Amino acid sequence: MDYWAEKLRYILGWLITGTRGGAMRAKIIMALKDSPMNANQLANLLRVDYRTIRHHLEVLEKNRIVISVGEKYSVTYFLTPEMVENYAVFEEIWKKFREKKKRK
């Protein structure tokens, strides 16, 4: 596995399983894989408060999982090229997270 994939595994492990809000961040990642969106579109799709979405997007952007294009209200979010390339790493972490939740 290459350097970025290992780094991504660590970052995603922490963002999804190691912190509160991991499930919401995972849902945002999955939604953005299907199509780039702005924060309002994500809030409507996931039926969550806009400020909650903005918070999670900031966390994901700071950790280089998503990138933003545009300004103010026209900002659109995309998965980073590294995230797209290594999406299987995310899927593996998300699967383990869901299985762990089922056992509780």
N, C-alpha and C. Protein backbone atom coordinates (compact mmCIF):
# COMPACT_ATOMS: atom_id res chain seq x y z
N MET A 1 0.85 -1.19 0.00
CA MET A 1 0.00 0.00 0.00
C MET A 1 0.89 1.24 0.00
N ASP A 2 0.52 2.24 -0.78
CA ASP A 2 1.36 3.42 -0.87
C ASP A 2 1.21 4.33 0.35
N TYR A 3 2.09 5.31 0.40
CA TYR A 3 2.15 6.22 1.55
C TYR A 3 0.82 6.92 1.79
N TRP A 4 0.22 7.48 0.72
CA TRP A 4 -1.03 8.23 0.91
C TRP A 4 -2.15 7.33 1.41
N ALA A 5 -2.23 6.10 0.90
CA ALA A 5 -3.29 5.18 1.33
C ALA A 5 -3.14 4.87 2.81
N GLU A 6 -1.91 4.66 3.28
CA GLU A 6 -1.69 4.40 4.71
C GLU A 6 -2.06 5.61 5.55
N LYS A 7 -1.67 6.78 5.10
CA LYS A 7 -2.00 8.02 5.82
C LYS A 7 -3.52 8.20 5.85
N LEU A 8 -4.16 7.96 4.72
CA LEU A 8 -5.61 8.08 4.63
C LEU A 8 -6.30 7.09 5.57
N ARG A 9 -5.80 5.88 5.65
CA ARG A 9 -6.36 4.89 6.56
C ARG A 9 -6.35 5.40 8.00
N TYR A 10 -5.25 5.98 8.40
CA TYR A 10 -5.12 6.53 9.75
C TYR A 10 -6.10 7.69 9.96
N ILE A 11 -6.10 8.64 9.02
CA ILE A 11 -6.96 9.82 9.14
C ILE A 11 -8.44 9.43 9.16
N LEU A 12 -8.84 8.59 8.21
CA LEU A 12 -10.25 8.18 8.15
C LEU A 12 -10.64 7.35 9.37
N GLY A 13 -9.74 6.51 9.83
CA GLY A 13 -10.03 5.74 11.04
C GLY A 13 -10.36 6.66 12.20
N TRP A 14 -9.58 7.71 12.33
CA TRP A 14 -9.81 8.67 13.41
C TRP A 14 -11.08 9.48 13.17
N LEU A 15 -11.28 9.97 11.94
CA LEU A 15 -12.44 10.81 11.64
C LEU A 15 -13.77 10.06 11.69
N ILE A 16 -13.75 8.77 11.35
CA ILE A 16 -14.99 8.00 11.30
C ILE A 16 -15.23 7.24 12.60
N THR A 17 -14.23 6.53 13.09
CA THR A 17 -14.46 5.68 14.27
C THR A 17 -13.96 6.28 15.57
N GLY A 18 -13.07 7.25 15.49
CA GLY A 18 -12.44 7.75 16.71
C GLY A 18 -13.01 9.02 17.27
N THR A 19 -13.97 9.63 16.60
CA THR A 19 -14.51 10.90 17.08
C THR A 19 -16.03 10.92 16.97
N ARG A 20 -16.67 11.76 17.76
CA ARG A 20 -18.11 11.94 17.63
C ARG A 20 -18.39 12.53 16.25
N GLY A 21 -19.47 12.15 15.65
CA GLY A 21 -19.82 12.68 14.35
C GLY A 21 -19.26 11.89 13.19
N GLY A 22 -18.61 10.78 13.49
CA GLY A 22 -17.99 9.98 12.45
C GLY A 22 -19.00 9.45 11.44
N ALA A 23 -20.16 9.04 11.90
CA ALA A 23 -21.18 8.52 10.99
C ALA A 23 -21.66 9.61 10.03
N MET A 24 -21.81 10.83 10.52
CA MET A 24 -22.23 11.93 9.66
C MET A 24 -21.15 12.26 8.64
N ARG A 25 -19.90 12.24 9.06
CA ARG A 25 -18.81 12.50 8.12
C ARG A 25 -18.78 11.42 7.03
N ALA A 26 -19.03 10.17 7.42
CA ALA A 26 -19.06 9.08 6.45
C ALA A 26 -20.19 9.29 5.44
N LYS A 27 -21.35 9.74 5.92
CA LYS A 27 -22.47 9.98 5.02
C LYS A 27 -22.16 11.11 4.04
N ILE A 28 -21.44 12.11 4.50
CA ILE A 28 -21.04 13.21 3.62
C ILE A 28 -20.08 12.70 2.55
N ILE A 29 -19.11 11.89 2.96
CA ILE A 29 -18.15 11.32 2.01
C ILE A 29 -18.89 10.51 0.94
N MET A 30 -19.82 9.66 1.37
CA MET A 30 -20.57 8.84 0.41
C MET A 30 -21.40 9.71 -0.53
N ALA A 31 -22.01 10.76 0.00
CA ALA A 31 -22.83 11.64 -0.84
C ALA A 31 -21.96 12.36 -1.87
N LEU A 32 -20.78 12.80 -1.47
CA LEU A 32 -19.90 13.53 -2.38
C LEU A 32 -19.26 12.61 -3.41
N LYS A 33 -19.18 11.34 -3.11
CA LYS A 33 -18.67 10.40 -4.11
C LYS A 33 -19.65 10.33 -5.28
N ASP A 34 -20.94 10.38 -4.98
CA ASP A 34 -21.96 10.33 -6.02
C ASP A 34 -22.00 11.60 -6.85
N SER A 35 -21.83 12.75 -6.18
CA SER A 35 -21.94 14.02 -6.89
C SER A 35 -21.42 15.16 -6.03
N PRO A 36 -20.66 16.10 -6.61
CA PRO A 36 -20.25 17.29 -5.84
C PRO A 36 -21.49 18.07 -5.43
N MET A 37 -21.45 18.68 -4.26
CA MET A 37 -22.60 19.43 -3.74
C MET A 37 -22.13 20.59 -2.89
N ASN A 38 -23.04 21.53 -2.68
CA ASN A 38 -22.77 22.60 -1.72
C ASN A 38 -23.34 22.18 -0.36
N ALA A 39 -23.05 22.97 0.67
CA ALA A 39 -23.46 22.60 2.03
C ALA A 39 -24.98 22.52 2.16
N ASN A 40 -25.70 23.40 1.51
CA ASN A 40 -27.15 23.39 1.59
C ASN A 40 -27.73 22.12 0.96
N GLN A 41 -27.20 21.72 -0.18
CA GLN A 41 -27.65 20.48 -0.82
C GLN A 41 -27.39 19.27 0.07
N LEU A 42 -26.22 19.24 0.69
CA LEU A 42 -25.91 18.14 1.61
C LEU A 42 -26.85 18.13 2.81
N ALA A 43 -27.12 19.32 3.37
CA ALA A 43 -28.02 19.42 4.52
C ALA A 43 -29.40 18.89 4.17
N ASN A 44 -29.89 19.25 3.00
CA ASN A 44 -31.21 18.77 2.56
C ASN A 44 -31.20 17.26 2.31
N LEU A 45 -30.18 16.78 1.63
CA LEU A 45 -30.08 15.36 1.33
C LEU A 45 -30.02 14.51 2.60
N LEU A 46 -29.19 14.95 3.54
CA LEU A 46 -28.97 14.17 4.76
C LEU A 46 -29.92 14.54 5.89
N ARG A 47 -30.77 15.54 5.63
CA ARG A 47 -31.77 15.99 6.61
C ARG A 47 -31.14 16.36 7.94
N VAL A 48 -30.15 17.23 7.83
CA VAL A 48 -29.40 17.70 8.99
C VAL A 48 -29.29 19.22 8.89
N ASP A 49 -29.14 19.86 10.03
CA ASP A 49 -28.98 21.30 10.09
C ASP A 49 -27.77 21.76 9.26
N TYR A 50 -27.93 22.86 8.57
CA TYR A 50 -26.87 23.43 7.72
C TYR A 50 -25.57 23.64 8.50
N ARG A 51 -25.67 24.16 9.72
CA ARG A 51 -24.46 24.43 10.52
C ARG A 51 -23.73 23.14 10.87
N THR A 52 -24.48 22.07 11.08
CA THR A 52 -23.87 20.77 11.35
C THR A 52 -23.06 20.31 10.14
N ILE A 53 -23.64 20.44 8.97
CA ILE A 53 -22.96 20.06 7.73
C ILE A 53 -21.70 20.91 7.56
N ARG A 54 -21.81 22.20 7.76
CA ARG A 54 -20.65 23.11 7.61
C ARG A 54 -19.53 22.68 8.55
N HIS A 55 -19.87 22.34 9.79
CA HIS A 55 -18.85 21.90 10.75
C HIS A 55 -18.11 20.68 10.22
N HIS A 56 -18.85 19.67 9.79
CA HIS A 56 -18.23 18.44 9.32
C HIS A 56 -17.43 18.67 8.03
N LEU A 57 -17.92 19.53 7.15
CA LEU A 57 -17.17 19.85 5.94
C LEU A 57 -15.84 20.52 6.28
N GLU A 58 -15.85 21.39 7.28
CA GLU A 58 -14.60 22.04 7.70
C GLU A 58 -13.61 21.01 8.22
N VAL A 59 -14.08 20.06 9.02
CA VAL A 59 -13.21 19.00 9.53
C VAL A 59 -12.65 18.17 8.38
N LEU A 60 -13.51 17.80 7.45
CA LEU A 60 -13.08 16.98 6.31
C LEU A 60 -12.12 17.75 5.41
N GLU A 61 -12.36 19.03 5.23
CA GLU A 61 -11.47 19.82 4.38
C GLU A 61 -10.11 20.01 5.05
N LYS A 62 -10.13 20.27 6.34
CA LYS A 62 -8.87 20.44 7.08
C LYS A 62 -8.00 19.18 7.02
N ASN A 63 -8.66 18.03 6.92
CA ASN A 63 -7.94 16.75 6.89
C ASN A 63 -7.74 16.22 5.47
N ARG A 64 -7.98 17.07 4.47
CA ARG A 64 -7.71 16.78 3.06
C ARG A 64 -8.52 15.59 2.52
N ILE A 65 -9.76 15.49 2.99
CA ILE A 65 -10.68 14.47 2.48
C ILE A 65 -11.57 15.10 1.41
N VAL A 66 -11.93 16.37 1.62
CA VAL A 66 -12.72 17.11 0.63
C VAL A 66 -12.00 18.41 0.28
N ILE A 67 -12.32 18.92 -0.90
CA ILE A 67 -11.84 20.24 -1.32
C ILE A 67 -13.06 21.07 -1.71
N SER A 68 -12.90 22.37 -1.63
CA SER A 68 -14.00 23.26 -2.00
C SER A 68 -13.57 24.14 -3.17
N VAL A 69 -14.57 24.46 -4.00
CA VAL A 69 -14.35 25.31 -5.16
C VAL A 69 -15.46 26.35 -5.14
N GLY A 70 -15.10 27.61 -5.35
CA GLY A 70 -16.09 28.68 -5.36
C GLY A 70 -15.96 29.55 -4.13
N GLU A 71 -16.85 30.51 -4.04
CA GLU A 71 -16.82 31.46 -2.93
C GLU A 71 -18.21 31.62 -2.31
N LYS A 72 -18.20 31.96 -1.03
CA LYS A 72 -19.41 32.21 -0.24
C LYS A 72 -20.48 31.16 -0.46
N TYR A 73 -21.63 31.55 -1.00
CA TYR A 73 -22.77 30.64 -1.12
C TYR A 73 -22.67 29.68 -2.30
N SER A 74 -21.72 29.92 -3.18
CA SER A 74 -21.59 29.03 -4.34
C SER A 74 -20.49 27.99 -4.14
N VAL A 75 -19.98 27.85 -2.91
CA VAL A 75 -18.93 26.87 -2.65
C VAL A 75 -19.47 25.46 -2.86
N THR A 76 -18.77 24.71 -3.69
CA THR A 76 -19.13 23.32 -3.97
C THR A 76 -18.01 22.43 -3.44
N TYR A 77 -18.40 21.31 -2.85
CA TYR A 77 -17.43 20.39 -2.26
C TYR A 77 -17.28 19.13 -3.10
N PHE A 78 -16.05 18.68 -3.21
CA PHE A 78 -15.68 17.49 -3.95
C PHE A 78 -14.77 16.64 -3.06
N LEU A 79 -14.73 15.35 -3.30
CA LEU A 79 -13.70 14.52 -2.67
C LEU A 79 -12.37 14.87 -3.32
N THR A 80 -11.29 14.84 -2.52
CA THR A 80 -9.97 15.09 -3.10
C THR A 80 -9.61 13.95 -4.05
N PRO A 81 -8.74 14.21 -5.01
CA PRO A 81 -8.31 13.13 -5.92
C PRO A 81 -7.74 11.92 -5.15
N GLU A 82 -7.00 12.18 -4.08
CA GLU A 82 -6.44 11.09 -3.27
C GLU A 82 -7.54 10.26 -2.61
N MET A 83 -8.59 10.94 -2.17
CA MET A 83 -9.71 10.23 -1.56
C MET A 83 -10.43 9.38 -2.59
N VAL A 84 -10.65 9.91 -3.77
CA VAL A 84 -11.31 9.15 -4.83
C VAL A 84 -10.47 7.93 -5.19
N GLU A 85 -9.18 8.13 -5.33
CA GLU A 85 -8.27 7.05 -5.71
C GLU A 85 -8.23 5.93 -4.66
N ASN A 86 -8.40 6.31 -3.41
CA ASN A 86 -8.31 5.34 -2.31
C ASN A 86 -9.65 5.13 -1.62
N TYR A 87 -10.74 5.26 -2.35
CA TYR A 87 -12.08 5.15 -1.76
C TYR A 87 -12.31 3.79 -1.09
N ALA A 88 -11.65 2.76 -1.58
CA ALA A 88 -11.79 1.43 -0.99
C ALA A 88 -11.33 1.41 0.47
N VAL A 89 -10.37 2.25 0.81
CA VAL A 89 -9.91 2.35 2.20
C VAL A 89 -11.07 2.85 3.07
N PHE A 90 -11.76 3.88 2.60
CA PHE A 90 -12.92 4.40 3.32
C PHE A 90 -13.99 3.32 3.47
N GLU A 91 -14.29 2.61 2.37
CA GLU A 91 -15.32 1.57 2.42
C GLU A 91 -14.99 0.50 3.45
N GLU A 92 -13.74 0.13 3.54
CA GLU A 92 -13.31 -0.87 4.53
C GLU A 92 -13.53 -0.36 5.96
N ILE A 93 -13.14 0.88 6.22
CA ILE A 93 -13.31 1.47 7.56
C ILE A 93 -14.80 1.61 7.89
N TRP A 94 -15.60 2.06 6.93
CA TRP A 94 -17.04 2.25 7.15
C TRP A 94 -17.71 0.91 7.44
N LYS A 95 -17.32 -0.13 6.73
CA LYS A 95 -17.89 -1.47 6.95
C LYS A 95 -17.59 -1.96 8.37
N LYS A 96 -16.34 -1.81 8.80
CA LYS A 96 -15.96 -2.23 10.16
C LYS A 96 -16.72 -1.43 11.21
N PHE A 97 -16.88 -0.12 10.97
CA PHE A 97 -17.60 0.75 11.89
C PHE A 97 -19.05 0.29 12.05
N ARG A 98 -19.72 -0.02 10.93
CA ARG A 98 -21.12 -0.46 10.97
C ARG A 98 -21.24 -1.82 11.66
N GLU A 99 -20.32 -2.73 11.39
CA GLU A 99 -20.36 -4.04 12.04
C GLU A 99 -20.16 -3.92 13.54
N LYS A 100 -19.30 -3.04 13.94
CA LYS A 100 -19.04 -2.81 15.37
C LYS A 100 -20.29 -2.25 16.05
N LYS A 101 -20.98 -1.32 15.37
CA LYS A 101 -22.21 -0.73 15.92
C LYS A 101 -23.32 -1.78 16.06
N LYS A 102 -23.40 -2.71 15.11
CA LYS A 102 -24.43 -3.76 15.16
C LYS A 102 -24.25 -4.66 16.38
N ARG A 103 -23.01 -4.90 16.77
CA ARG A 103 -22.72 -5.80 17.89
C ARG A 103 -23.07 -5.19 19.24
N LYS A 104 -23.18 -3.88 19.29
CA LYS A 104 -23.46 -3.22 20.57
C LYS A 104 -24.92 -3.35 20.95
